[in-house]
Amino acid sequence: ATFVQSVQSPALAMVVPLLLRGLREKVTATKRQSSVIINNMSKLVDDPLDAAPFLPLLLPALQQNADSISDPEARSVTEKAVEQMNRLKDLASKAYSVRGDTSKLEAVFKMEL
C-alpha cells in the first residue's frame, strides 16, 4: 500500500523557498528536478486555497524556465508543471469565489425568517 500525505499551507511555506531557489539555479537538472517536485506536490494539495499564496511566486519562475530551458525533455517536464499549477490556480479561483459568494445565503436567511 502506498501512503500519500496531503500537502497543506505550513508545509508549502517550508519548501517553496527551496523550490524557488532550485528553479533559479543555472544547472538544468536542478531546474528540472524542482519542476518535478512542484508538479507532484501540487497534486497532493487537498484545498487549492492552501496553495494560492504560493502560486504568484512559483508560476512566473516555472513559466520563465519553460520558455528558456534548451533541453527538450527538461522543458517538457517544466511545461507539465506549469499546466498543473495553472489547473491549481483555476481551482483556487473557483474555491475563493464560492467562499466569497453570499448571494445564496440571502435566500436561506429569508426562508429561516
C-alpha atoms as a PDB file:
ATOM      1  CA  ALA A   1       0.000   0.000   0.000  1.00  0.00           C
ATOM      2  CA  THR A   2       1.169   3.496  -0.803  1.00  0.00           C
ATOM      3  CA  PHE A   3       0.821   6.173   1.848  1.00  0.00           C
ATOM      4  CA  VAL A   4       0.086   9.634   0.484  1.00  0.00           C
ATOM      5  CA  GLN A   5       0.169  12.678   2.737  1.00  0.00           C
ATOM      6  CA  SER A   6      -1.839  15.691   1.662  1.00  0.00           C
ATOM      7  CA  VAL A   7       0.105  18.954   1.441  1.00  0.00           C
ATOM      8  CA  GLN A   8      -1.111  21.987   3.378  1.00  0.00           C
ATOM      9  CA  SER A   9      -0.058  25.599   3.698  1.00  0.00           C
ATOM     10  CA  PRO A  10       2.549  25.214   6.513  1.00  0.00           C
ATOM     11  CA  ALA A  11       4.408  22.506   4.582  1.00  0.00           C
ATOM     12  CA  LEU A  12       4.326  24.625   1.436  1.00  0.00           C
ATOM     13  CA  ALA A  13       5.696  27.603   3.364  1.00  0.00           C
ATOM     14  CA  MET A  14       8.725  25.475   4.262  1.00  0.00           C
ATOM     15  CA  VAL A  15       9.506  24.030   0.823  1.00  0.00           C
ATOM     16  CA  VAL A  16       8.506  26.801  -1.605  1.00  0.00           C
ATOM     17  CA  PRO A  17      11.662  28.903  -0.938  1.00  0.00           C
ATOM     18  CA  LEU A  18      13.821  25.831  -1.615  1.00  0.00           C
ATOM     19  CA  LEU A  19      11.915  25.024  -4.807  1.00  0.00           C
ATOM     20  CA  LEU A  20      12.171  28.635  -5.985  1.00  0.00           C
ATOM     21  CA  ARG A  21      15.914  28.529  -5.432  1.00  0.00           C
ATOM     22  CA  GLY A  22      16.073  25.293  -7.430  1.00  0.00           C
ATOM     23  CA  LEU A  23      14.120  26.883 -10.290  1.00  0.00           C
ATOM     24  CA  ARG A  24      16.581  29.796 -10.371  1.00  0.00           C
ATOM     25  CA  GLU A  25      19.733  27.641 -10.441  1.00  0.00           C
ATOM     26  CA  LYS A  26      21.862  27.618 -13.589  1.00  0.00           C
ATOM     27  CA  VAL A  27      22.040  23.807 -13.770  1.00  0.00           C
ATOM     28  CA  THR A  28      19.202  22.460 -15.951  1.00  0.00           C
ATOM     29  CA  ALA A  29      18.984  19.201 -13.972  1.00  0.00           C
ATOM     30  CA  THR A  30      18.219  21.181 -10.788  1.00  0.00           C
ATOM     31  CA  LYS A  31      15.544  23.236 -12.563  1.00  0.00           C
ATOM     32  CA  ARG A  32      14.027  20.020 -13.939  1.00  0.00           C
ATOM     33  CA  GLN A  33      14.003  18.287 -10.544  1.00  0.00           C
ATOM     34  CA  SER A  34      12.377  21.324  -8.902  1.00  0.00           C
ATOM     35  CA  SER A  35       9.685  21.242 -11.604  1.00  0.00           C
ATOM     36  CA  VAL A  36       9.055  17.528 -10.970  1.00  0.00           C
ATOM     37  CA  ILE A  37       8.692  18.147  -7.218  1.00  0.00           C
ATOM     38  CA  ILE A  38       6.353  21.125  -7.776  1.00  0.00           C
ATOM     39  CA  ASN A  39       4.222  19.111 -10.203  1.00  0.00           C
ATOM     40  CA  ASN A  40       3.968  16.138  -7.817  1.00  0.00           C
ATOM     41  CA  MET A  41       3.360  18.207  -4.686  1.00  0.00           C
ATOM     42  CA  SER A  42       0.667  20.293  -6.362  1.00  0.00           C
ATOM     43  CA  LYS A  43      -1.292  17.083  -6.996  1.00  0.00           C
ATOM     44  CA  LEU A  44      -1.273  16.395  -3.243  1.00  0.00           C
ATOM     45  CA  VAL A  45      -2.908  19.703  -2.291  1.00  0.00           C
ATOM     46  CA  ASP A  46      -6.430  18.965  -0.989  1.00  0.00           C
ATOM     47  CA  ASP A  47      -7.524  22.586  -0.580  1.00  0.00           C
ATOM     48  CA  PRO A  48      -6.404  24.756  -3.528  1.00  0.00           C
ATOM     49  CA  LEU A  49      -6.610  27.816  -1.264  1.00  0.00           C
ATOM     50  CA  ASP A  50      -3.645  26.407   0.702  1.00  0.00           C
ATOM     51  CA  ALA A  51      -1.542  26.748  -2.439  1.00  0.00           C
ATOM     52  CA  ALA A  52      -2.952  30.094  -3.599  1.00  0.00           C
ATOM     53  CA  PRO A  53      -0.411  32.345  -1.786  1.00  0.00           C
ATOM     54  CA  PHE A  54       2.482  30.474  -3.392  1.00  0.00           C
ATOM     55  CA  LEU A  55       1.231  30.466  -6.985  1.00  0.00           C
ATOM     56  CA  PRO A  56       2.414  34.043  -7.766  1.00  0.00           C
ATOM     57  CA  LEU A  57       5.897  33.013  -6.635  1.00  0.00           C
ATOM     58  CA  LEU A  58       6.170  29.677  -8.420  1.00  0.00           C
ATOM     59  CA  LEU A  59       4.246  30.215 -11.651  1.00  0.00           C
ATOM     60  CA  PRO A  60       6.404  33.037 -13.091  1.00  0.00           C
ATOM     61  CA  ALA A  61       9.634  31.144 -12.308  1.00  0.00           C
ATOM     62  CA  LEU A  62       8.243  27.949 -13.852  1.00  0.00           C
ATOM     63  CA  GLN A  63       6.982  29.818 -16.911  1.00  0.00           C
ATOM     64  CA  GLN A  64      10.319  31.554 -17.388  1.00  0.00           C
ATOM     65  CA  ASN A  65      12.078  28.170 -17.297  1.00  0.00           C
ATOM     66  CA  ALA A  66       9.535  26.623 -19.670  1.00  0.00           C
ATOM     67  CA  ASP A  67      10.324  29.438 -22.114  1.00  0.00           C
ATOM     68  CA  SER A  68      14.120  29.352 -21.714  1.00  0.00           C
ATOM     69  CA  ILE A  69      15.340  25.791 -20.994  1.00  0.00           C
ATOM     70  CA  SER A  70      17.041  24.457 -24.118  1.00  0.00           C
ATOM     71  CA  ASP A  71      16.915  20.747 -23.197  1.00  0.00           C
ATOM     72  CA  PRO A  72      13.645  19.451 -24.742  1.00  0.00           C
ATOM     73  CA  GLU A  73      12.931  16.827 -22.051  1.00  0.00           C
ATOM     74  CA  ALA A  74      13.549  19.226 -19.147  1.00  0.00           C
ATOM     75  CA  ARG A  75      11.439  21.880 -20.898  1.00  0.00           C
ATOM     76  CA  SER A  76       8.601  19.357 -21.338  1.00  0.00           C
ATOM     77  CA  VAL A  77       8.728  18.442 -17.628  1.00  0.00           C
ATOM     78  CA  THR A  78       8.620  22.148 -16.741  1.00  0.00           C
ATOM     79  CA  GLU A  79       5.687  22.784 -19.114  1.00  0.00           C
ATOM     80  CA  LYS A  80       3.754  19.971 -17.395  1.00  0.00           C
ATOM     81  CA  ALA A  81       4.401  21.644 -14.037  1.00  0.00           C
ATOM     82  CA  VAL A  82       3.153  24.963 -15.469  1.00  0.00           C
ATOM     83  CA  GLU A  83      -0.056  23.267 -16.689  1.00  0.00           C
ATOM     84  CA  GLN A  84      -0.601  21.631 -13.298  1.00  0.00           C
ATOM     85  CA  MET A  85      -0.012  24.917 -11.439  1.00  0.00           C
ATOM     86  CA  ASN A  86      -2.452  26.708 -13.756  1.00  0.00           C
ATOM     87  CA  ARG A  87      -5.033  23.996 -13.006  1.00  0.00           C
ATOM     88  CA  LEU A  88      -4.454  24.572  -9.294  1.00  0.00           C
ATOM     89  CA  LYS A  89      -4.736  28.336  -9.816  1.00  0.00           C
ATOM     90  CA  ASP A  90      -8.117  27.868 -11.552  1.00  0.00           C
ATOM     91  CA  LEU A  91      -9.338  25.609  -8.733  1.00  0.00           C
ATOM     92  CA  ALA A  92      -8.189  28.157  -6.146  1.00  0.00           C
ATOM     93  CA  SER A  93     -10.028  30.942  -8.005  1.00  0.00           C
ATOM     94  CA  LYS A  94     -13.224  28.883  -8.077  1.00  0.00           C
ATOM     95  CA  ALA A  95     -12.887  27.941  -4.392  1.00  0.00           C
ATOM     96  CA  TYR A  96     -12.318  31.575  -3.474  1.00  0.00           C
ATOM     97  CA  SER A  97     -15.303  32.814  -5.467  1.00  0.00           C
ATOM     98  CA  VAL A  98     -17.565  30.128  -3.939  1.00  0.00           C
ATOM     99  CA  ARG A  99     -16.409  31.039  -0.434  1.00  0.00           C
ATOM    100  CA  GLY A 100     -16.907  34.725  -1.113  1.00  0.00           C
ATOM    101  CA  ASP A 101     -20.333  34.349  -2.748  1.00  0.00           C
ATOM    102  CA  THR A 102     -23.002  35.320  -0.194  1.00  0.00           C
ATOM    103  CA  SER A 103     -25.890  35.611  -2.674  1.00  0.00           C
ATOM    104  CA  LYS A 104     -27.119  32.064  -1.965  1.00  0.00           C
ATOM    105  CA  LEU A 105     -27.148  32.748   1.768  1.00  0.00           C
ATOM    106  CA  GLU A 106     -29.751  35.515   1.422  1.00  0.00           C
ATOM    107  CA  ALA A 107     -32.370  33.027   0.183  1.00  0.00           C
ATOM    108  CA  VAL A 108     -31.604  30.694   3.106  1.00  0.00           C
ATOM    109  CA  PHE A 109     -31.936  33.534   5.618  1.00  0.00           C
ATOM    110  CA  LYS A 110     -35.252  34.620   4.087  1.00  0.00           C
ATOM    111  CA  MET A 111     -36.627  31.069   4.393  1.00  0.00           C
ATOM    112  CA  GLU A 112     -35.480  30.877   8.028  1.00  0.00           C
ATOM    113  CA  LEU A 113     -37.098  34.219   8.903  1.00  0.00           C
END
